[in-house]
């Protein structure tokens, strides 16, 4: 335990030409005292004033119990801990730590203490320098509290935030990433702060190269970064939007203030809208609008490749009788089956579309450079479809389970065929030609294939 020293012992602390050392000691702006063994033997004016004692004698004669509270913030006894700190200083030569001191008026404050073990003549003493860091600690606590409040606020925001720092040498890293951003990127805050390239591994493999390229270009060209794509693992994929704005700094670095947003629901809604706009809700086939767009694209492709395509316009025979007898619910069951049969008869690259009611269109692209060969391929596909559609339909009527009724119905198709290439007409021309050929098959008795007069059958 520290004991009060004798003020008269100062003569042994600054031996020889002690005036110079004594002057440096006294003029130090930081409170300083010297411990010899376990006794305070000297202190400077800054220590006396900071602790609020009237004089050096008053300070050196005060009991050490008044210089610290009974226990430090960690719960350890102040005097036990003080002896342990001095032992560390003697062992290492220098030791720095934080300490709670008590002023003469009984108020406590936080000090940053540096203990140095120095050799004076025949003995080792502890030279103690400290400074009041109460304001700094209060500022740190205020900042920590402010950050805590900010983190709470940020945690309530549905999107994540981050600050990326790109340096003049081309390197970059995260200065900050919010918990929500880390969650969306499927990585921990610590891993992202340690290595931002962890993000690259979370991006869906099919979207990763585009993300990395866009990121590098944004940093090199100092332009806002905008990316939307897939992130996912364990079979679950979500869509994210990541965007940031560059803020150049005076030292040449650039801070990128960014957000990470989950746009999965938006993408799902967009897909639903797209389905409603371009697909038949009953059969899930492309509708008239999407069929028209694909036909225009196919015509443009035929111009580049000089290869023919074909349109098959179909109308179901004997369909109205089924609707009239059993209702639209049963008719819908047949339409779904008919759509499945048509899709099974053509290539994956071909398009089967529902034009409305019981009318369908099949588009086949990239057939052959020769019109006759293309016509033969189209005719073969049409015959395959006609045969498939002519097979009996077995339609199960249920109001839950099990099956309430099984209806068998025969329903053939009238098919009009036109072979097309860009230089011979427009998409409207070819649709009209195929429709006319279909009508000819229908008026001839149905369950037939007719080629447009503009097409040469071989």
Protein backbone atom coordinates (compact mmCIF):
# COMPACT_ATOMS: atom_id res chain seq x y z
CA UNK A 1 0.00 0.00 0.00
CA UNK A 2 1.25 3.51 -0.79
CA UNK A 3 2.24 5.58 2.21
CA UNK A 4 2.76 9.30 2.69
CA UNK A 5 6.35 10.28 2.08
CA UNK A 6 8.54 12.83 3.79
CA UNK A 7 8.64 16.12 1.82
CA UNK A 8 12.21 16.52 2.86
CA UNK A 9 13.18 13.51 0.75
CA UNK A 10 13.23 15.56 -2.46
CA UNK A 11 16.94 16.25 -2.17
CA UNK A 12 17.64 12.64 -3.05
CA UNK A 13 15.45 12.63 -6.15
CA UNK A 14 17.39 15.22 -8.18
CA UNK A 15 21.04 14.61 -7.36
CA UNK A 16 23.96 16.59 -8.68
CA UNK A 17 22.93 19.43 -10.92
CA UNK A 18 19.34 19.00 -9.85
CA UNK A 19 18.24 22.50 -10.77
CA UNK A 20 17.71 21.65 -14.46
CA UNK A 21 15.80 18.43 -13.80
CA UNK A 22 13.82 20.08 -11.04
CA UNK A 23 12.84 22.87 -13.43
CA UNK A 24 11.69 20.44 -16.14
CA UNK A 25 9.73 18.51 -13.53
CA UNK A 26 7.99 21.61 -12.22
CA UNK A 27 7.24 23.12 -15.64
CA UNK A 28 5.65 19.96 -17.06
CA UNK A 29 2.02 20.78 -18.02
CA UNK A 30 0.98 17.26 -17.10
CA UNK A 31 0.47 16.34 -13.44
CA UNK A 32 3.48 14.32 -12.32
CA UNK A 33 4.70 12.66 -9.17
CA UNK A 34 7.48 10.32 -8.17
CA UNK A 35 7.09 7.14 -6.14
CA UNK A 36 10.04 5.69 -4.27
CA UNK A 37 9.25 2.20 -3.09
CA UNK A 38 5.71 2.66 -1.88
CA UNK A 39 5.96 6.34 -0.92
CA UNK A 40 5.04 9.52 -2.77
CA UNK A 41 8.23 11.58 -2.55
CA UNK A 42 7.64 14.42 -5.02
CA UNK A 43 4.97 16.08 -7.16
CA UNK A 44 4.87 19.07 -9.49
CA UNK A 45 2.66 22.13 -9.41
CA UNK A 46 0.33 20.75 -12.09
CA UNK A 47 -0.50 17.76 -9.89
CA UNK A 48 -1.20 19.95 -6.88
CA UNK A 49 -3.52 22.28 -8.80
CA UNK A 50 -5.30 19.52 -10.76
CA UNK A 51 -6.11 17.60 -7.60
CA UNK A 52 -7.13 20.82 -5.82
CA UNK A 53 -4.67 20.87 -2.87
CA UNK A 54 -3.46 24.17 -1.35
CA UNK A 55 0.26 23.29 -1.35
CA UNK A 56 2.86 20.62 -1.96
CA UNK A 57 3.01 19.83 1.75
CA UNK A 58 -0.77 19.42 1.87
CA UNK A 59 -0.66 17.05 -1.09
CA UNK A 60 2.28 14.93 0.07
CA UNK A 61 0.81 14.65 3.55
CA UNK A 62 -2.65 13.57 2.42
CA UNK A 63 -3.47 9.92 2.96
CA UNK A 64 -3.35 7.94 -0.35
CA UNK A 65 -6.85 6.63 0.35
CA UNK A 66 -8.11 10.05 -0.71
CA UNK A 67 -6.35 9.94 -4.12
CA UNK A 68 -8.57 7.17 -5.55
CA UNK A 69 -11.98 5.67 -4.88
CA UNK A 70 -11.95 2.35 -3.00
CA UNK A 71 -12.40 0.40 -6.22
CA UNK A 72 -11.73 0.94 -9.91
CA UNK A 73 -14.48 0.48 -12.57
CA UNK A 74 -13.48 -3.15 -13.09
CA UNK A 75 -14.24 -3.83 -9.41
CA UNK A 76 -10.63 -4.36 -8.33
CA UNK A 77 -9.39 -2.76 -5.08
CA UNK A 78 -7.59 0.48 -6.02
CA UNK A 79 -4.50 -0.13 -3.87
CA UNK A 80 -4.12 -3.74 -4.92
CA UNK A 81 -4.41 -2.69 -8.52
CA UNK A 82 -1.97 0.23 -8.04
CA UNK A 83 0.72 -2.10 -6.73
CA UNK A 84 0.08 -4.46 -9.65
CA UNK A 85 0.38 -1.60 -12.17
CA UNK A 86 3.72 -0.50 -10.63
CA UNK A 87 4.98 -4.07 -10.75
CA UNK A 88 4.19 -4.20 -14.47
CA UNK A 89 6.01 -0.89 -15.00
CA UNK A 90 9.10 -2.20 -13.19
CA UNK A 91 9.00 -5.36 -15.26
CA UNK A 92 8.44 -3.72 -18.66
CA UNK A 93 9.97 -0.28 -17.99
CA UNK A 94 6.81 1.52 -19.12
CA UNK A 95 3.10 0.95 -18.57
CA UNK A 96 0.07 3.01 -19.65
CA UNK A 97 -3.50 2.55 -18.42
CA UNK A 98 -6.65 4.40 -17.37
CA UNK A 99 -7.32 5.22 -13.73
CA UNK A 100 -10.00 6.86 -11.62
CA UNK A 101 -8.51 9.60 -9.41
CA UNK A 102 -10.22 11.59 -6.66
CA UNK A 103 -9.76 15.35 -6.20
CA UNK A 104 -9.42 17.07 -2.84
CA UNK A 105 -13.13 18.01 -2.99
CA UNK A 106 -14.10 14.34 -3.34
CA UNK A 107 -15.02 14.35 -7.05
CA UNK A 108 -13.70 11.62 -9.31
CA UNK A 109 -12.28 11.92 -12.81
CA UNK A 110 -10.70 9.67 -15.43
CA UNK A 111 -6.96 9.91 -15.99
CA UNK A 112 -4.62 8.36 -18.52
CA UNK A 113 -1.64 7.26 -16.46
CA UNK A 114 1.88 6.47 -17.67
CA UNK A 115 4.25 4.80 -15.27
CA UNK A 116 7.96 4.72 -16.08
CA UNK A 117 10.56 2.84 -14.04
CA UNK A 118 13.76 4.91 -13.95
CA UNK A 119 17.09 4.39 -12.22
CA UNK A 120 18.35 7.19 -9.99
CA UNK A 121 21.79 6.50 -8.54
CA UNK A 122 21.39 3.40 -6.39
CA UNK A 123 17.65 2.91 -6.52
CA UNK A 124 14.73 2.55 -8.89
CA UNK A 125 11.78 4.91 -8.67
CA UNK A 126 8.46 5.15 -10.46
CA UNK A 127 7.93 8.30 -12.48
CA UNK A 128 4.16 8.85 -12.92
CA UNK A 129 2.71 11.22 -15.52
CA UNK A 130 -1.02 11.51 -16.02
CA UNK A 131 -3.61 13.73 -17.60
CA UNK A 132 -7.29 14.28 -17.08
CA UNK A 133 -9.17 12.61 -19.97
CA UNK A 134 -12.65 13.02 -18.51
CA UNK A 135 -13.80 15.25 -21.37
CA UNK A 136 -12.38 12.83 -23.93
CA UNK A 137 -14.12 9.89 -22.27
CA UNK A 138 -17.37 11.85 -22.11
CA UNK A 139 -16.99 12.66 -25.80
CA UNK A 140 -16.28 9.00 -26.58
CA UNK A 141 -19.31 7.95 -24.57
CA UNK A 142 -21.44 10.54 -26.32
CA UNK A 143 -20.20 9.31 -29.69
CA UNK A 144 -20.81 5.70 -28.68
CA UNK A 145 -24.31 6.63 -27.53
CA UNK A 146 -24.89 8.55 -30.75
CA UNK A 147 -23.67 5.59 -32.80
CA UNK A 148 -25.90 3.27 -30.81
CA UNK A 149 -28.90 5.49 -31.54
CA UNK A 150 -27.84 5.71 -35.20
CA UNK A 151 -27.51 1.91 -35.39
CA UNK A 152 -30.98 1.52 -33.87
CA UNK A 153 -32.37 3.98 -36.41
CA UNK A 154 -30.55 2.28 -39.29
CA UNK A 155 -31.80 -1.12 -38.14
CA UNK A 156 -35.38 0.11 -38.62
CA UNK A 157 -34.72 1.15 -42.23
CA UNK A 158 -35.76 -1.60 -44.68
CA UNK A 159 -32.67 -1.09 -46.83
CA UNK A 160 -29.00 -1.37 -45.90
CA UNK A 161 -26.36 1.36 -46.04
CA UNK A 162 -22.60 1.33 -46.51
CA UNK A 163 -19.58 3.57 -47.08
CA UNK A 164 -16.95 2.28 -49.49
CA UNK A 165 -13.52 3.93 -49.54
CA UNK A 166 -11.57 3.74 -52.81
CA UNK A 167 -7.95 4.90 -52.66
CA UNK A 168 -5.73 6.47 -55.36
CA UNK A 169 -3.70 3.24 -55.66
CA UNK A 170 -6.82 1.37 -56.80
CA UNK A 171 -7.49 -0.48 -53.56
CA UNK A 172 -10.84 -0.20 -51.84
CA UNK A 173 -12.59 -1.32 -48.68
CA UNK A 174 -15.61 -0.66 -46.52
CA UNK A 175 -15.43 2.01 -43.83
CA UNK A 176 -18.95 1.18 -42.66
CA UNK A 177 -21.67 -1.38 -43.36
CA UNK A 178 -25.01 -1.47 -41.59
CA UNK A 179 -26.37 -4.69 -40.08
CA UNK A 180 -29.21 -4.71 -42.61
CA UNK A 181 -26.77 -4.41 -45.54
CA UNK A 182 -24.73 -7.33 -44.19
CA UNK A 183 -27.90 -9.37 -43.78
CA UNK A 184 -29.01 -8.69 -47.35
CA UNK A 185 -25.53 -9.53 -48.67
CA UNK A 186 -25.57 -12.77 -46.67
CA UNK A 187 -22.29 -12.00 -44.89
CA UNK A 188 -21.24 -10.76 -41.45
CA UNK A 189 -20.34 -7.13 -40.80
CA UNK A 190 -16.88 -8.22 -39.63
CA UNK A 191 -16.13 -10.22 -42.79
CA UNK A 192 -17.28 -7.39 -45.05
CA UNK A 193 -15.22 -4.79 -43.20
CA UNK A 194 -12.19 -7.08 -43.31
CA UNK A 195 -12.53 -7.88 -47.03
CA UNK A 196 -15.19 -6.24 -49.19
CA UNK A 197 -14.58 -8.75 -52.00
CA UNK A 198 -16.59 -11.21 -49.89
CA UNK A 199 -19.55 -9.53 -51.62
CA UNK A 200 -18.46 -10.96 -54.96
CA UNK A 201 -18.96 -14.51 -53.69
CA UNK A 202 -22.54 -13.78 -52.58
CA UNK A 203 -23.60 -12.65 -56.07
CA UNK A 204 -25.31 -15.27 -58.21
CA UNK A 205 -22.68 -16.86 -60.52
CA UNK A 206 -24.57 -15.78 -63.65
CA UNK A 207 -24.58 -12.13 -62.51
CA UNK A 208 -21.14 -11.99 -60.84
CA UNK A 209 -18.95 -10.96 -63.78
CA UNK A 210 -21.27 -8.09 -64.72
CA UNK A 211 -21.30 -6.90 -61.09
CA UNK A 212 -17.49 -6.93 -60.78
CA UNK A 213 -17.04 -5.18 -64.15
CA UNK A 214 -19.59 -2.49 -63.30
CA UNK A 215 -17.99 -1.97 -59.88
CA UNK A 216 -14.50 -1.55 -61.34
CA UNK A 217 -15.71 0.80 -64.07
CA UNK A 218 -17.55 2.93 -61.52
CA UNK A 219 -14.41 3.35 -59.39
CA UNK A 220 -12.17 4.02 -62.39
CA UNK A 221 -14.53 6.50 -64.06
CA UNK A 222 -15.86 8.04 -60.83
CA UNK A 223 -19.49 7.67 -61.82
CA UNK A 224 -22.51 6.59 -59.74
CA UNK A 225 -22.84 2.83 -59.33
CA UNK A 226 -26.18 1.17 -60.04
CA UNK A 227 -26.71 -2.59 -60.18
CA UNK A 228 -29.66 -4.93 -59.89
CA UNK A 229 -29.23 -8.67 -59.83
CA UNK A 230 -29.48 -11.93 -57.96
CA UNK A 231 -27.96 -12.92 -54.65
CA UNK A 232 -28.58 -16.28 -53.12
CA UNK A 233 -27.44 -19.47 -51.51
CA UNK A 234 -28.95 -22.79 -50.40
CA UNK A 235 -31.31 -22.76 -53.35
CA UNK A 236 -32.98 -19.45 -52.42
CA UNK A 237 -32.42 -16.49 -54.73
CA UNK A 238 -33.39 -12.90 -54.02
CA UNK A 239 -32.98 -9.78 -56.11
CA UNK A 240 -30.99 -6.83 -54.77
CA UNK A 241 -30.46 -3.29 -55.95
CA UNK A 242 -27.11 -1.79 -54.98
CA UNK A 243 -26.38 1.85 -55.70
CA UNK A 244 -23.81 4.39 -54.53
CA UNK A 245 -22.71 7.97 -55.18
CA UNK A 246 -19.03 9.02 -55.21
CA UNK A 247 -17.88 11.83 -52.88
CA UNK A 248 -14.22 12.79 -53.66
CA UNK A 249 -12.02 13.68 -50.67
CA UNK A 250 -9.18 16.21 -50.44
CA UNK A 251 -6.59 13.44 -49.92
CA UNK A 252 -7.48 11.77 -53.23
CA UNK A 253 -9.65 9.08 -51.73
CA UNK A 254 -13.30 8.68 -52.76
CA UNK A 255 -16.11 7.78 -50.38
CA UNK A 256 -18.99 5.92 -51.99
CA UNK A 257 -22.21 6.42 -50.05
CA UNK A 258 -24.44 3.50 -50.92
CA UNK A 259 -27.61 1.58 -50.24
CA UNK A 260 -28.54 -2.11 -50.55
CA UNK A 261 -32.22 -2.82 -51.18
CA UNK A 262 -34.15 -6.07 -51.45
CA UNK A 263 -36.25 -5.77 -54.63
CA UNK A 264 -37.42 -9.40 -54.74
CA UNK A 265 -41.08 -8.52 -54.21
CA UNK A 266 -40.83 -5.78 -56.84
CA UNK A 267 -39.34 -8.27 -59.30
CA UNK A 268 -42.09 -10.75 -58.49
CA UNK A 269 -44.73 -8.10 -59.09
CA UNK A 270 -43.04 -7.11 -62.35
CA UNK A 271 -43.10 -10.75 -63.40
CA UNK A 272 -46.77 -10.99 -62.51
CA UNK A 273 -47.49 -7.88 -64.57
CA UNK A 274 -45.44 -9.34 -67.42
CA UNK A 275 -47.39 -12.59 -67.21
CA UNK A 276 -50.68 -10.70 -67.33
CA UNK A 277 -49.47 -8.56 -70.23
CA UNK A 278 -47.86 -11.28 -72.35
CA UNK A 279 -49.26 -14.67 -71.29
CA UNK A 280 -52.64 -16.34 -71.39
CA UNK A 281 -53.74 -16.92 -67.76
CA UNK A 282 -55.48 -20.24 -68.57
CA UNK A 283 -52.90 -22.11 -70.65
CA UNK A 284 -49.85 -19.99 -69.67
CA UNK A 285 -48.97 -19.78 -73.34
CA UNK A 286 -47.79 -16.50 -74.90
CA UNK A 287 -50.75 -14.35 -75.86
CA UNK A 288 -51.48 -12.48 -79.10
CA UNK A 289 -49.30 -9.51 -78.07
CA UNK A 290 -46.20 -11.55 -77.21
CA UNK A 291 -46.71 -13.70 -80.30
CA UNK A 292 -46.67 -10.56 -82.45
CA UNK A 293 -43.44 -9.36 -80.83
CA UNK A 294 -41.75 -12.71 -81.36
CA UNK A 295 -42.89 -12.84 -84.96
CA UNK A 296 -41.35 -9.42 -85.60
CA UNK A 297 -38.10 -10.64 -84.00
CA UNK A 298 -38.19 -13.81 -86.09
CA UNK A 299 -38.63 -11.80 -89.28
CA UNK A 300 -35.63 -9.64 -88.34
CA UNK A 301 -33.60 -12.79 -87.70
CA UNK A 302 -34.67 -14.26 -91.05
CA UNK A 303 -33.35 -11.15 -92.75
CA UNK A 304 -29.93 -11.68 -91.15
CA UNK A 305 -29.78 -15.46 -91.60
CA UNK A 306 -31.72 -15.72 -94.88
CA UNK A 307 -33.58 -18.70 -93.41
CA UNK A 308 -37.33 -19.24 -93.56
CA UNK A 309 -39.81 -19.58 -90.73
CA UNK A 310 -43.41 -20.77 -90.62
CA UNK A 311 -46.73 -19.85 -88.98
CA UNK A 312 -49.42 -22.42 -88.18
CA UNK A 313 -52.84 -20.95 -87.43
CA UNK A 314 -55.15 -23.43 -85.62
CA UNK A 315 -58.83 -23.43 -84.77
CA UNK A 316 -60.34 -26.32 -82.79
CA UNK A 317 -63.21 -28.20 -84.43
CA UNK A 318 -66.22 -29.36 -82.39
CA UNK A 319 -65.15 -27.25 -79.41
CA UNK A 320 -68.32 -25.18 -79.16
CA UNK A 321 -70.42 -28.32 -78.69
CA UNK A 322 -68.40 -29.23 -75.59
CA UNK A 323 -68.83 -25.75 -74.12
CA UNK A 324 -72.56 -25.73 -74.84
CA UNK A 325 -73.14 -29.14 -73.24
CA UNK A 326 -70.79 -29.08 -70.24
CA UNK A 327 -69.94 -25.41 -69.73
CA UNK A 328 -66.80 -23.30 -69.90
CA UNK A 329 -65.09 -25.05 -66.99
CA UNK A 330 -64.90 -28.28 -68.96
CA UNK A 331 -64.00 -26.36 -72.12
CA UNK A 332 -61.11 -24.80 -70.28
CA UNK A 333 -59.82 -28.24 -69.29
CA UNK A 334 -59.72 -29.21 -72.96
CA UNK A 335 -57.91 -26.01 -73.95
CA UNK A 336 -55.21 -26.70 -71.35
CA UNK A 337 -54.73 -30.24 -72.64
CA UNK A 338 -54.66 -29.05 -76.25
CA UNK A 339 -51.97 -26.48 -75.38
CA UNK A 340 -49.83 -29.20 -73.78
CA UNK A 341 -50.22 -31.46 -76.82
CA UNK A 342 -49.18 -28.70 -79.22
CA UNK A 343 -46.09 -27.84 -77.17
CA UNK A 344 -45.04 -31.50 -77.17
CA UNK A 345 -45.09 -31.53 -81.00
CA UNK A 346 -42.64 -28.68 -81.63
CA UNK A 347 -39.12 -27.66 -80.64
CA UNK A 348 -38.37 -25.70 -77.48
CA UNK A 349 -37.30 -22.73 -79.61
CA UNK A 350 -40.70 -22.64 -81.31
CA UNK A 351 -43.58 -20.60 -79.91
CA UNK A 352 -47.07 -21.89 -79.22
CA UNK A 353 -49.47 -19.03 -78.50
CA UNK A 354 -53.15 -18.73 -77.68
CA UNK A 355 -54.79 -16.06 -79.77
CA UNK A 356 -58.09 -16.21 -77.95
CA UNK A 357 -61.03 -18.57 -77.57
CA UNK A 358 -60.10 -21.83 -79.30
CA UNK A 359 -57.59 -20.25 -81.72
CA UNK A 360 -53.86 -20.95 -81.45
CA UNK A 361 -50.78 -19.98 -83.44
CA UNK A 362 -47.51 -21.89 -83.69
CA UNK A 363 -44.41 -20.02 -84.88
CA UNK A 364 -41.37 -21.93 -86.10
CA UNK A 365 -38.21 -19.98 -86.82
CA UNK A 366 -34.83 -20.69 -88.41
CA UNK A 367 -36.01 -23.61 -90.58
CA UNK A 368 -33.98 -23.70 -93.81
CA UNK A 369 -32.52 -21.42 -96.48
CA UNK A 370 -34.64 -23.21 -99.09
CA UNK A 371 -38.35 -22.42 -99.12
CA UNK A 372 -39.36 -25.90 -100.28
CA UNK A 373 -37.40 -27.58 -97.48
CA UNK A 374 -38.85 -25.14 -94.95
CA UNK A 375 -42.35 -25.83 -96.22
CA UNK A 376 -41.81 -29.57 -95.81
CA UNK A 377 -40.67 -29.08 -92.21
CA UNK A 378 -43.68 -26.88 -91.46
CA UNK A 379 -46.05 -29.39 -93.05
CA UNK A 380 -44.56 -32.23 -91.02
CA UNK A 381 -45.01 -30.28 -87.78
CA UNK A 382 -48.58 -29.37 -88.73
CA UNK A 383 -49.46 -33.02 -89.38
CA UNK A 384 -47.94 -34.06 -86.07
CA UNK A 385 -50.04 -31.45 -84.26
CA UNK A 386 -53.22 -32.39 -86.17
CA UNK A 387 -52.79 -36.04 -85.22
CA UNK A 388 -52.10 -35.24 -81.57
CA UNK A 389 -55.11 -32.94 -81.27
CA UNK A 390 -57.40 -35.53 -82.85
CA UNK A 391 -56.80 -38.02 -80.02
CA UNK A 392 -59.73 -38.30 -77.56
CA UNK A 393 -59.71 -35.96 -74.56
CA UNK A 394 -60.53 -37.37 -71.12
CA UNK A 395 -61.60 -34.49 -68.92
CA UNK A 396 -61.86 -35.12 -65.17
CA UNK A 397 -64.49 -33.04 -63.40
CA UNK A 398 -63.78 -32.59 -59.69
CA UNK A 399 -65.15 -30.50 -56.87
CA UNK A 400 -62.34 -31.51 -54.60
CA UNK A 401 -61.48 -35.20 -54.47
CA UNK A 402 -62.07 -37.84 -55.75
CA UNK A 403 -63.11 -37.36 -59.41
CA UNK A 404 -66.84 -36.62 -59.73
CA UNK A 405 -67.10 -37.31 -63.47
CA UNK A 406 -64.91 -38.24 -66.45
CA UNK A 407 -65.95 -36.78 -69.79
CA UNK A 408 -64.53 -38.05 -73.07
CA UNK A 409 -64.61 -35.73 -76.05
CA UNK A 410 -63.18 -35.69 -79.56
CA UNK A 411 -62.00 -32.36 -80.87
CA UNK A 412 -59.92 -32.01 -84.03
CA UNK A 413 -58.25 -28.91 -85.50
CA UNK A 414 -58.24 -26.96 -88.74
CA UNK A 415 -54.73 -25.72 -89.51
CA UNK A 416 -53.51 -23.04 -91.90
CA UNK A 417 -49.80 -22.87 -92.75
CA UNK A 418 -47.67 -20.09 -94.23
CA UNK A 419 -43.92 -20.11 -94.74
CA UNK A 420 -42.32 -16.68 -94.33
CA UNK A 421 -39.14 -14.70 -94.77
CA UNK A 422 -38.63 -11.00 -94.15
CA UNK A 423 -38.34 -9.91 -97.78
CA UNK A 424 -41.73 -11.38 -98.73
CA UNK A 425 -44.00 -9.44 -96.34
CA UNK A 426 -44.77 -8.10 -92.88
CA UNK A 427 -45.83 -9.94 -89.75
CA UNK A 428 -49.44 -8.81 -90.30
CA UNK A 429 -49.32 -10.15 -93.87
CA UNK A 430 -48.20 -13.60 -92.75
CA UNK A 431 -50.71 -13.81 -89.90
CA UNK A 432 -53.48 -12.94 -92.35
CA UNK A 433 -52.29 -15.54 -94.86
CA UNK A 434 -52.16 -18.26 -92.17
CA UNK A 435 -55.62 -17.27 -90.89
CA UNK A 436 -57.05 -17.44 -94.40
CA UNK A 437 -55.54 -20.88 -94.96
CA UNK A 438 -57.00 -22.07 -91.66
CA UNK A 439 -60.46 -20.83 -92.71
CA UNK A 440 -60.12 -22.80 -95.93
CA UNK A 441 -59.38 -25.95 -93.91
CA UNK A 442 -62.37 -25.26 -91.69
CA UNK A 443 -64.82 -24.72 -94.55
CA UNK A 444 -63.53 -27.91 -96.22
CA UNK A 445 -64.78 -29.95 -93.25
CA UNK A 446 -62.11 -29.50 -90.55
CA UNK A 447 -59.40 -31.78 -89.27
CA UNK A 448 -57.36 -30.65 -92.27
CA UNK A 449 -54.18 -28.72 -93.08
CA UNK A 450 -54.18 -26.04 -95.74
CA UNK A 451 -51.17 -24.12 -97.01
CA UNK A 452 -51.45 -20.51 -97.94
CA UNK A 453 -51.65 -19.81 -101.66
CA UNK A 454 -48.46 -17.82 -101.22
CA UNK A 455 -46.69 -21.02 -100.10
CA UNK A 456 -45.34 -23.73 -102.40
CA UNK A 457 -45.98 -27.21 -101.00
CA UNK A 458 -43.56 -29.89 -102.07
